[in-house]
Amino acid sequence: DFDRVDITNLNRQQYFIRHIGLYKTEALKQELEE
């Protein structure tokens, strides 16, 4: 993915407020490694 996490993503995507502004690849990799 090339996109960053945005506030409008939080209604349906597996991200949190702390991820806003991060690239989705980076944020999701962090979560999966948890």
PDB file of all heavy atoms in Angstrom:
ATOM      1  N   ASP A   1       0.864  -1.181   0.000  1.00  0.00           N
ATOM      2  CA  ASP A   1       0.000   0.000   0.000  1.00  0.00           C
ATOM      3  C   ASP A   1       0.899   1.229   0.000  1.00  0.00           C
ATOM      4  O   ASP A   1       2.013   1.176   0.528  1.00  0.00           O
ATOM      5  CB  ASP A   1      -0.919   0.019   1.231  1.00  0.00           C
ATOM      6  CG  ASP A   1      -2.145   0.902   1.047  1.00  0.00           C
ATOM      7  OD1 ASP A   1      -1.977   2.078   0.642  1.00  0.00           O
ATOM      8  OD2 ASP A   1      -3.265   0.435   1.310  1.00  0.00           O
ATOM      9  N   PHE A   2       0.411   2.337  -0.564  1.00  0.00           N
ATOM     10  CA  PHE A   2       1.208   3.565  -0.605  1.00  0.00           C
ATOM     11  C   PHE A   2       0.642   4.642   0.309  1.00  0.00           C
ATOM     12  O   PHE A   2       1.247   5.700   0.494  1.00  0.00           O
ATOM     13  CB  PHE A   2       1.259   4.122  -2.036  1.00  0.00           C
ATOM     14  CG  PHE A   2      -0.087   4.601  -2.534  1.00  0.00           C
ATOM     15  CD1 PHE A   2      -0.446   5.938  -2.421  1.00  0.00           C
ATOM     16  CD2 PHE A   2      -0.988   3.713  -3.093  1.00  0.00           C
ATOM     17  CE1 PHE A   2      -1.689   6.374  -2.862  1.00  0.00           C
ATOM     18  CE2 PHE A   2      -2.226   4.146  -3.537  1.00  0.00           C
ATOM     19  CZ  PHE A   2      -2.580   5.477  -3.421  1.00  0.00           C
ATOM     20  N   ASP A   3      -0.517   4.374   0.927  1.00  0.00           N
ATOM     21  CA  ASP A   3      -1.283   5.394   1.650  1.00  0.00           C
ATOM     22  C   ASP A   3      -0.860   5.471   3.112  1.00  0.00           C
ATOM     23  O   ASP A   3      -0.240   4.561   3.658  1.00  0.00           O
ATOM     24  CB  ASP A   3      -2.764   5.048   1.560  1.00  0.00           C
ATOM     25  CG  ASP A   3      -3.658   6.257   1.774  1.00  0.00           C
ATOM     26  OD1 ASP A   3      -3.130   7.382   1.872  1.00  0.00           O
ATOM     27  OD2 ASP A   3      -4.887   6.071   1.842  1.00  0.00           O
ATOM     28  N   ARG A   4      -1.245   6.598   3.741  1.00  0.00           N
ATOM     29  CA  ARG A   4      -1.051   6.786   5.176  1.00  0.00           C
ATOM     30  C   ARG A   4      -2.389   6.637   5.906  1.00  0.00           C
ATOM     31  O   ARG A   4      -3.461   6.829   5.318  1.00  0.00           O
ATOM     32  CB  ARG A   4      -0.481   8.183   5.475  1.00  0.00           C
ATOM     33  CG  ARG A   4       0.931   8.416   4.934  1.00  0.00           C
ATOM     34  CD  ARG A   4       1.385   9.831   5.260  1.00  0.00           C
ATOM     35  NE  ARG A   4       2.689  10.148   4.675  1.00  0.00           N
ATOM     36  CZ  ARG A   4       3.851  10.027   5.322  1.00  0.00           C
ATOM     37  NH1 ARG A   4       3.852   9.598   6.577  1.00  0.00           N
ATOM     38  NH2 ARG A   4       4.988  10.327   4.727  1.00  0.00           N
ATOM     39  N   VAL A   5      -2.322   6.302   7.183  1.00  0.00           N
ATOM     40  CA  VAL A   5      -3.524   6.184   8.003  1.00  0.00           C
ATOM     41  C   VAL A   5      -4.123   7.572   8.217  1.00  0.00           C
ATOM     42  O   VAL A   5      -3.429   8.518   8.583  1.00  0.00           O
ATOM     43  CB  VAL A   5      -3.211   5.535   9.364  1.00  0.00           C
ATOM     44  CG1 VAL A   5      -4.475   5.447  10.216  1.00  0.00           C
ATOM     45  CG2 VAL A   5      -2.593   4.150   9.168  1.00  0.00           C
ATOM     46  N   ASP A   6      -5.427   7.672   7.995  1.00  0.00           N
ATOM     47  CA  ASP A   6      -6.160   8.930   8.117  1.00  0.00           C
ATOM     48  C   ASP A   6      -7.303   8.746   9.118  1.00  0.00           C
ATOM     49  O   ASP A   6      -7.776   7.627   9.329  1.00  0.00           O
ATOM     50  CB  ASP A   6      -6.708   9.323   6.740  1.00  0.00           C
ATOM     51  CG  ASP A   6      -7.470  10.631   6.767  1.00  0.00           C
ATOM     52  OD1 ASP A   6      -6.827  11.688   6.701  1.00  0.00           O
ATOM     53  OD2 ASP A   6      -8.715  10.593   6.887  1.00  0.00           O
ATOM     54  N   ILE A   7      -7.765   9.839   9.715  1.00  0.00           N
ATOM     55  CA  ILE A   7      -8.842   9.745  10.704  1.00  0.00           C
ATOM     56  C   ILE A   7     -10.091   9.097  10.125  1.00  0.00           C
ATOM     57  O   ILE A   7     -10.825   8.391  10.823  1.00  0.00           O
ATOM     58  CB  ILE A   7      -9.164  11.141  11.302  1.00  0.00           C
ATOM     59  CG1 ILE A   7     -10.112  10.990  12.503  1.00  0.00           C
ATOM     60  CG2 ILE A   7      -9.717  12.075  10.241  1.00  0.00           C
ATOM     61  CD1 ILE A   7     -10.325  12.288  13.250  1.00  0.00           C
ATOM     62  N   THR A   8     -10.349   9.293   8.828  1.00  0.00           N
ATOM     63  CA  THR A   8     -11.542   8.712   8.219  1.00  0.00           C
ATOM     64  C   THR A   8     -11.420   7.209   8.016  1.00  0.00           C
ATOM     65  O   THR A   8     -12.408   6.551   7.681  1.00  0.00           O
ATOM     66  CB  THR A   8     -11.839   9.371   6.857  1.00  0.00           C
ATOM     67  OG1 THR A   8     -10.739   9.143   5.972  1.00  0.00           O
ATOM     68  CG2 THR A   8     -12.066  10.866   7.013  1.00  0.00           C
ATOM     69  N   ASN A   9     -10.238   6.659   8.216  1.00  0.00           N
ATOM     70  CA  ASN A   9     -10.040   5.208   8.103  1.00  0.00           C
ATOM     71  C   ASN A   9     -10.515   4.461   9.352  1.00  0.00           C
ATOM     72  O   ASN A   9     -10.747   3.249   9.301  1.00  0.00           O
ATOM     73  CB  ASN A   9      -8.573   4.867   7.887  1.00  0.00           C
ATOM     74  CG  ASN A   9      -7.959   5.489   6.656  1.00  0.00           C
ATOM     75  OD1 ASN A   9      -6.770   5.771   6.626  1.00  0.00           O
ATOM     76  ND2 ASN A   9      -8.750   5.740   5.612  1.00  0.00           N
ATOM     77  N   LEU A  10     -10.628   5.160  10.461  1.00  0.00           N
ATOM     78  CA  LEU A  10     -10.822   4.487  11.741  1.00  0.00           C
ATOM     79  C   LEU A  10     -12.201   3.859  11.891  1.00  0.00           C
ATOM     80  O   LEU A  10     -12.419   3.073  12.816  1.00  0.00           O
ATOM     81  CB  LEU A  10     -10.568   5.468  12.899  1.00  0.00           C
ATOM     82  CG  LEU A  10      -9.176   6.121  12.935  1.00  0.00           C
ATOM     83  CD1 LEU A  10      -9.036   6.983  14.182  1.00  0.00           C
ATOM     84  CD2 LEU A  10      -8.070   5.073  12.890  1.00  0.00           C
ATOM     85  N   ASN A  11     -13.145   4.195  10.993  1.00  0.00           N
ATOM     86  CA  ASN A  11     -14.493   3.618  11.126  1.00  0.00           C
ATOM     87  C   ASN A  11     -14.569   2.176  10.647  1.00  0.00           C
ATOM     88  O   ASN A  11     -15.581   1.512  10.845  1.00  0.00           O
ATOM     89  CB  ASN A  11     -15.520   4.477  10.361  1.00  0.00           C
ATOM     90  CG  ASN A  11     -15.569   4.145   8.879  1.00  0.00           C
ATOM     91  OD1 ASN A  11     -14.532   3.955   8.239  1.00  0.00           O
ATOM     92  ND2 ASN A  11     -16.765   4.087   8.328  1.00  0.00           N
ATOM     93  N   ARG A  12     -13.497   1.672   9.988  1.00  0.00           N
ATOM     94  CA  ARG A  12     -13.599   0.325   9.433  1.00  0.00           C
ATOM     95  C   ARG A  12     -12.267  -0.404   9.306  1.00  0.00           C
ATOM     96  O   ARG A  12     -12.243  -1.601   9.004  1.00  0.00           O
ATOM     97  CB  ARG A  12     -14.261   0.368   8.051  1.00  0.00           C
ATOM     98  CG  ARG A  12     -13.415   1.043   6.990  1.00  0.00           C
ATOM     99  CD  ARG A  12     -14.175   1.416   5.739  1.00  0.00           C
ATOM    100  NE  ARG A  12     -13.306   1.974   4.700  1.00  0.00           N
ATOM    101  CZ  ARG A  12     -12.833   3.220   4.712  1.00  0.00           C
ATOM    102  NH1 ARG A  12     -13.127   4.043   5.707  1.00  0.00           N
ATOM    103  NH2 ARG A  12     -12.063   3.646   3.734  1.00  0.00           N
ATOM    104  N   GLN A  13     -11.164   0.274   9.518  1.00  0.00           N
ATOM    105  CA  GLN A  13      -9.856  -0.332   9.287  1.00  0.00           C
ATOM    106  C   GLN A  13      -9.166  -0.654  10.611  1.00  0.00           C
ATOM    107  O   GLN A  13      -9.464  -0.054  11.636  1.00  0.00           O
ATOM    108  CB  GLN A  13      -8.992   0.611   8.432  1.00  0.00           C
ATOM    109  CG  GLN A  13      -9.642   0.928   7.089  1.00  0.00           C
ATOM    110  CD  GLN A  13      -8.818   1.848   6.216  1.00  0.00           C
ATOM    111  OE1 GLN A  13      -7.621   2.042   6.449  1.00  0.00           O
ATOM    112  NE2 GLN A  13      -9.438   2.424   5.197  1.00  0.00           N
ATOM    113  N   GLN A  14      -8.234  -1.593  10.581  1.00  0.00           N
ATOM    114  CA  GLN A  14      -7.588  -2.077  11.805  1.00  0.00           C
ATOM    115  C   GLN A  14      -6.439  -1.163  12.243  1.00  0.00           C
ATOM    116  O   GLN A  14      -5.289  -1.595  12.377  1.00  0.00           O
ATOM    117  CB  GLN A  14      -7.095  -3.510  11.592  1.00  0.00           C
ATOM    118  CG  GLN A  14      -8.205  -4.530  11.515  1.00  0.00           C
ATOM    119  CD  GLN A  14      -8.820  -4.826  12.875  1.00  0.00           C
ATOM    120  OE1 GLN A  14      -8.427  -4.263  13.892  1.00  0.00           O
ATOM    121  NE2 GLN A  14      -9.786  -5.716  12.912  1.00  0.00           N
ATOM    122  N   TYR A  15      -6.783   0.103  12.486  1.00  0.00           N
ATOM    123  CA  TYR A  15      -5.791   1.064  12.957  1.00  0.00           C
ATOM    124  C   TYR A  15      -6.362   1.835  14.133  1.00  0.00           C
ATOM    125  O   TYR A  15      -7.569   1.793  14.400  1.00  0.00           O
ATOM    126  CB  TYR A  15      -5.389   2.028  11.830  1.00  0.00           C
ATOM    127  CG  TYR A  15      -4.843   1.334  10.610  1.00  0.00           C
ATOM    128  CD1 TYR A  15      -5.590   1.246   9.434  1.00  0.00           C
ATOM    129  CD2 TYR A  15      -3.586   0.738  10.639  1.00  0.00           C
ATOM    130  CE1 TYR A  15      -5.103   0.578   8.320  1.00  0.00           C
ATOM    131  CE2 TYR A  15      -3.087   0.073   9.528  1.00  0.00           C
ATOM    132  CZ  TYR A  15      -3.854  -0.003   8.374  1.00  0.00           C
ATOM    133  OH  TYR A  15      -3.369  -0.665   7.279  1.00  0.00           O
ATOM    134  N   PHE A  16      -5.467   2.556  14.830  1.00  0.00           N
ATOM    135  CA  PHE A  16      -5.860   3.325  15.998  1.00  0.00           C
ATOM    136  C   PHE A  16      -5.384   4.771  15.842  1.00  0.00           C
ATOM    137  O   PHE A  16      -4.605   5.087  14.932  1.00  0.00           O
ATOM    138  CB  PHE A  16      -5.266   2.696  17.261  1.00  0.00           C
ATOM    139  CG  PHE A  16      -5.759   1.293  17.507  1.00  0.00           C
ATOM    140  CD1 PHE A  16      -5.081   0.191  16.985  1.00  0.00           C
ATOM    141  CD2 PHE A  16      -6.910   1.062  18.243  1.00  0.00           C
ATOM    142  CE1 PHE A  16      -5.534  -1.099  17.200  1.00  0.00           C
ATOM    143  CE2 PHE A  16      -7.380  -0.226  18.470  1.00  0.00           C
ATOM    144  CZ  PHE A  16      -6.688  -1.305  17.944  1.00  0.00           C
ATOM    145  N   ILE A  17      -5.857   5.630  16.727  1.00  0.00           N
ATOM    146  CA  ILE A  17      -5.506   7.045  16.652  1.00  0.00           C
ATOM    147  C   ILE A  17      -3.994   7.225  16.616  1.00  0.00           C
ATOM    148  O   ILE A  17      -3.481   8.094  15.906  1.00  0.00           O
ATOM    149  CB  ILE A  17      -6.141   7.822  17.826  1.00  0.00           C
ATOM    150  CG1 ILE A  17      -7.667   7.913  17.629  1.00  0.00           C
ATOM    151  CG2 ILE A  17      -5.546   9.228  17.944  1.00  0.00           C
ATOM    152  CD1 ILE A  17      -8.408   8.526  18.807  1.00  0.00           C
ATOM    153  N   ARG A  18      -3.271   6.391  17.346  1.00  0.00           N
ATOM    154  CA  ARG A  18      -1.815   6.535  17.397  1.00  0.00           C
ATOM    155  C   ARG A  18      -1.152   6.293  16.044  1.00  0.00           C
ATOM    156  O   ARG A  18       0.008   6.663  15.843  1.00  0.00           O
ATOM    157  CB  ARG A  18      -1.225   5.578  18.447  1.00  0.00           C
ATOM    158  CG  ARG A  18      -1.294   4.106  18.083  1.00  0.00           C
ATOM    159  CD  ARG A  18      -0.626   3.246  19.154  1.00  0.00           C
ATOM    160  NE  ARG A  18      -0.578   1.835  18.816  1.00  0.00           N
ATOM    161  CZ  ARG A  18      -1.525   0.956  19.108  1.00  0.00           C
ATOM    162  NH1 ARG A  18      -2.608   1.359  19.759  1.00  0.00           N
ATOM    163  NH2 ARG A  18      -1.403  -0.315  18.765  1.00  0.00           N
ATOM    164  N   HIS A  19      -1.877   5.670  15.121  1.00  0.00           N
ATOM    165  CA  HIS A  19      -1.304   5.367  13.809  1.00  0.00           C
ATOM    166  C   HIS A  19      -1.522   6.465  12.781  1.00  0.00           C
ATOM    167  O   HIS A  19      -0.943   6.394  11.688  1.00  0.00           O
ATOM    168  CB  HIS A  19      -1.908   4.062  13.265  1.00  0.00           C
ATOM    169  CG  HIS A  19      -1.584   2.857  14.073  1.00  0.00           C
ATOM    170  ND1 HIS A  19      -2.544   1.986  14.543  1.00  0.00           N
ATOM    171  CD2 HIS A  19      -0.395   2.378  14.524  1.00  0.00           C
ATOM    172  CE1 HIS A  19      -1.965   1.017  15.227  1.00  0.00           C
ATOM    173  NE2 HIS A  19      -0.658   1.233  15.231  1.00  0.00           N
ATOM    174  N   ILE A  20      -2.358   7.457  13.087  1.00  0.00           N
ATOM    175  CA  ILE A  20      -2.664   8.497  12.105  1.00  0.00           C
ATOM    176  C   ILE A  20      -1.370   9.173  11.643  1.00  0.00           C
ATOM    177  O   ILE A  20      -0.532   9.581  12.446  1.00  0.00           O
ATOM    178  CB  ILE A  20      -3.638   9.535  12.687  1.00  0.00           C
ATOM    179  CG1 ILE A  20      -5.024   8.891  12.883  1.00  0.00           C
ATOM    180  CG2 ILE A  20      -3.768  10.759  11.773  1.00  0.00           C
ATOM    181  CD1 ILE A  20      -6.032   9.791  13.568  1.00  0.00           C
ATOM    182  N   GLY A  21      -1.221   9.252  10.329  1.00  0.00           N
ATOM    183  CA  GLY A  21      -0.023   9.847   9.739  1.00  0.00           C
ATOM    184  C   GLY A  21       1.033   8.836   9.345  1.00  0.00           C
ATOM    185  O   GLY A  21       1.905   9.145   8.516  1.00  0.00           O
ATOM    186  N   LEU A  22       0.983   7.636   9.921  1.00  0.00           N
ATOM    187  CA  LEU A  22       1.947   6.599   9.541  1.00  0.00           C
ATOM    188  C   LEU A  22       1.540   5.959   8.217  1.00  0.00           C
ATOM    189  O   LEU A  22       0.352   5.892   7.884  1.00  0.00           O
ATOM    190  CB  LEU A  22       2.014   5.503  10.614  1.00  0.00           C
ATOM    191  CG  LEU A  22       2.568   5.851  11.984  1.00  0.00           C
ATOM    192  CD1 LEU A  22       2.517   4.627  12.890  1.00  0.00           C
ATOM    193  CD2 LEU A  22       3.981   6.385  11.880  1.00  0.00           C
ATOM    194  N   TYR A  23       2.512   5.487   7.474  1.00  0.00           N
ATOM    195  CA  TYR A  23       2.183   4.673   6.314  1.00  0.00           C
ATOM    196  C   TYR A  23       1.475   3.402   6.795  1.00  0.00           C
ATOM    197  O   TYR A  23       1.836   2.828   7.830  1.00  0.00           O
ATOM    198  CB  TYR A  23       3.437   4.314   5.534  1.00  0.00           C
ATOM    199  CG  TYR A  23       3.976   5.445   4.691  1.00  0.00           C
ATOM    200  CD1 TYR A  23       5.177   6.077   5.015  1.00  0.00           C
ATOM    201  CD2 TYR A  23       3.272   5.894   3.570  1.00  0.00           C
ATOM    202  CE1 TYR A  23       5.664   7.121   4.233  1.00  0.00           C
ATOM    203  CE2 TYR A  23       3.755   6.937   2.796  1.00  0.00           C
ATOM    204  CZ  TYR A  23       4.939   7.549   3.130  1.00  0.00           C
ATOM    205  OH  TYR A  23       5.411   8.588   2.363  1.00  0.00           O
ATOM    206  N   LYS A  24       0.484   2.964   6.040  1.00  0.00           N
ATOM    207  CA  LYS A  24      -0.274   1.784   6.445  1.00  0.00           C
ATOM    208  C   LYS A  24       0.608   0.541   6.501  1.00  0.00           C
ATOM    209  O   LYS A  24       0.393  -0.332   7.352  1.00  0.00           O
ATOM    210  CB  LYS A  24      -1.456   1.577   5.495  1.00  0.00           C
ATOM    211  CG  LYS A  24      -2.539   2.630   5.665  1.00  0.00           C
ATOM    212  CD  LYS A  24      -3.723   2.402   4.742  1.00  0.00           C
ATOM    213  CE  LYS A  24      -4.780   3.475   4.969  1.00  0.00           C
ATOM    214  NZ  LYS A  24      -5.942   3.308   4.071  1.00  0.00           N
ATOM    215  N   THR A  25       1.575   0.450   5.617  1.00  0.00           N
ATOM    216  CA  THR A  25       2.487  -0.695   5.660  1.00  0.00           C
ATOM    217  C   THR A  25       3.209  -0.756   7.004  1.00  0.00           C
ATOM    218  O   THR A  25       3.349  -1.822   7.607  1.00  0.00           O
ATOM    219  CB  THR A  25       3.510  -0.609   4.521  1.00  0.00           C
ATOM    220  OG1 THR A  25       4.062   0.712   4.475  1.00  0.00           O
ATOM    221  CG2 THR A  25       2.882  -0.947   3.188  1.00  0.00           C
ATOM    222  N   GLU A  26       3.669   0.402   7.478  1.00  0.00           N
ATOM    223  CA  GLU A  26       4.406   0.459   8.744  1.00  0.00           C
ATOM    224  C   GLU A  26       3.492   0.162   9.925  1.00  0.00           C
ATOM    225  O   GLU A  26       3.832  -0.630  10.820  1.00  0.00           O
ATOM    226  CB  GLU A  26       5.038   1.847   8.905  1.00  0.00           C
ATOM    227  CG  GLU A  26       5.782   2.054  10.209  1.00  0.00           C
ATOM    228  CD  GLU A  26       6.297   3.482  10.365  1.00  0.00           C
ATOM    229  OE1 GLU A  26       6.157   4.285   9.406  1.00  0.00           O
ATOM    230  OE2 GLU A  26       6.824   3.799  11.448  1.00  0.00           O
ATOM    231  N   ALA A  27       2.316   0.808   9.948  1.00  0.00           N
ATOM    232  CA  ALA A  27       1.393   0.642  11.067  1.00  0.00           C
ATOM    233  C   ALA A  27       0.900  -0.794  11.167  1.00  0.00           C
ATOM    234  O   ALA A  27       0.858  -1.378  12.266  1.00  0.00           O
ATOM    235  CB  ALA A  27       0.209   1.600  10.907  1.00  0.00           C
ATOM    236  N   LEU A  28       0.528  -1.382  10.036  1.00  0.00           N
ATOM    237  CA  LEU A  28      -0.019  -2.740  10.072  1.00  0.00           C
ATOM    238  C   LEU A  28       1.061  -3.754  10.429  1.00  0.00           C
ATOM    239  O   LEU A  28       0.791  -4.700  11.188  1.00  0.00           O
ATOM    240  CB  LEU A  28      -0.640  -3.078   8.715  1.00  0.00           C
ATOM    241  CG  LEU A  28      -1.463  -4.364   8.670  1.00  0.00           C
ATOM    242  CD1 LEU A  28      -2.592  -4.337   9.693  1.00  0.00           C
ATOM    243  CD2 LEU A  28      -2.035  -4.581   7.265  1.00  0.00           C
ATOM    244  N   LYS A  29       2.263  -3.574   9.930  1.00  0.00           N
ATOM    245  CA  LYS A  29       3.350  -4.482  10.301  1.00  0.00           C
ATOM    246  C   LYS A  29       3.574  -4.462  11.811  1.00  0.00           C
ATOM    247  O   LYS A  29       3.762  -5.516  12.439  1.00  0.00           O
ATOM    248  CB  LYS A  29       4.634  -4.101   9.573  1.00  0.00           C
ATOM    249  CG  LYS A  29       5.809  -5.059   9.782  1.00  0.00           C
ATOM    250  CD  LYS A  29       6.982  -4.675   8.877  1.00  0.00           C
ATOM    251  CE  LYS A  29       8.101  -5.717   8.917  1.00  0.00           C
ATOM    252  NZ  LYS A  29       8.860  -5.669  10.174  1.00  0.00           N
ATOM    253  N   GLN A  30       3.549  -3.284  12.416  1.00  0.00           N
ATOM    254  CA  GLN A  30       3.702  -3.168  13.863  1.00  0.00           C
ATOM    255  C   GLN A  30       2.613  -3.957  14.590  1.00  0.00           C
ATOM    256  O   GLN A  30       2.890  -4.690  15.552  1.00  0.00           O
ATOM    257  CB  GLN A  30       3.646  -1.708  14.291  1.00  0.00           C
ATOM    258  CG  GLN A  30       4.847  -0.875  13.893  1.00  0.00           C
ATOM    259  CD  GLN A  30       4.685   0.586  14.289  1.00  0.00           C
ATOM    260  OE1 GLN A  30       3.710   0.962  14.936  1.00  0.00           O
ATOM    261  NE2 GLN A  30       5.637   1.410  13.886  1.00  0.00           N
ATOM    262  N   GLU A  31       1.387  -3.812  14.136  1.00  0.00           N
ATOM    263  CA  GLU A  31       0.274  -4.495  14.794  1.00  0.00           C
ATOM    264  C   GLU A  31       0.374  -6.011  14.653  1.00  0.00           C
ATOM    265  O   GLU A  31       0.138  -6.754  15.613  1.00  0.00           O
ATOM    266  CB  GLU A  31      -1.050  -4.005  14.217  1.00  0.00           C
ATOM    267  CG  GLU A  31      -1.379  -2.568  14.556  1.00  0.00           C
ATOM    268  CD  GLU A  31      -2.778  -2.218  14.105  1.00  0.00           C
ATOM    269  OE1 GLU A  31      -2.959  -1.906  12.923  1.00  0.00           O
ATOM    270  OE2 GLU A  31      -3.693  -2.274  14.960  1.00  0.00           O
ATOM    271  N   LEU A  32       0.706  -6.473  13.460  1.00  0.00           N
ATOM    272  CA  LEU A  32       0.790  -7.919  13.242  1.00  0.00           C
ATOM    273  C   LEU A  32       1.915  -8.543  14.051  1.00  0.00           C
ATOM    274  O   LEU A  32       1.801  -9.677  14.522  1.00  0.00           O
ATOM    275  CB  LEU A  32       0.980  -8.217  11.757  1.00  0.00           C
ATOM    276  CG  LEU A  32      -0.129  -7.739  10.814  1.00  0.00           C
ATOM    277  CD1 LEU A  32       0.143  -8.201   9.392  1.00  0.00           C
ATOM    278  CD2 LEU A  32      -1.489  -8.185  11.280  1.00  0.00           C
ATOM    279  N   GLU A  33       2.994  -7.789  14.244  1.00  0.00           N
ATOM    280  CA  GLU A  33       4.105  -8.301  15.053  1.00  0.00           C
ATOM    281  C   GLU A  33       3.746  -8.359  16.530  1.00  0.00           C
ATOM    282  O   GLU A  33       4.383  -9.089  17.293  1.00  0.00           O
ATOM    283  CB  GLU A  33       5.347  -7.450  14.822  1.00  0.00           C
ATOM    284  CG  GLU A  33       5.967  -7.691  13.446  1.00  0.00           C
ATOM    285  CD  GLU A  33       7.149  -6.801  13.151  1.00  0.00           C
ATOM    286  OE1 GLU A  33       7.282  -5.743  13.820  1.00  0.00           O
ATOM    287  OE2 GLU A  33       7.934  -7.141  12.241  1.00  0.00           O
ATOM    288  N   GLU A  34       2.720  -7.619  16.950  1.00  0.00           N
ATOM    289  CA  GLU A  34       2.221  -7.749  18.320  1.00  0.00           C
ATOM    290  C   GLU A  34       1.406  -9.025  18.487  1.00  0.00           C
ATOM    291  O   GLU A  34       1.265  -9.536  19.600  1.00  0.00           O
ATOM    292  CB  GLU A  34       1.375  -6.533  18.687  1.00  0.00           C
ATOM    293  CG  GLU A  34       2.177  -5.247  18.843  1.00  0.00           C
ATOM    294  CD  GLU A  34       1.314  -4.062  19.243  1.00  0.00           C
ATOM    295  OE1 GLU A  34       0.267  -4.292  19.874  1.00  0.00           O
ATOM    296  OE2 GLU A  34       1.676  -2.926  18.915  1.00  0.00           O
TER     297      GLU A  34
END
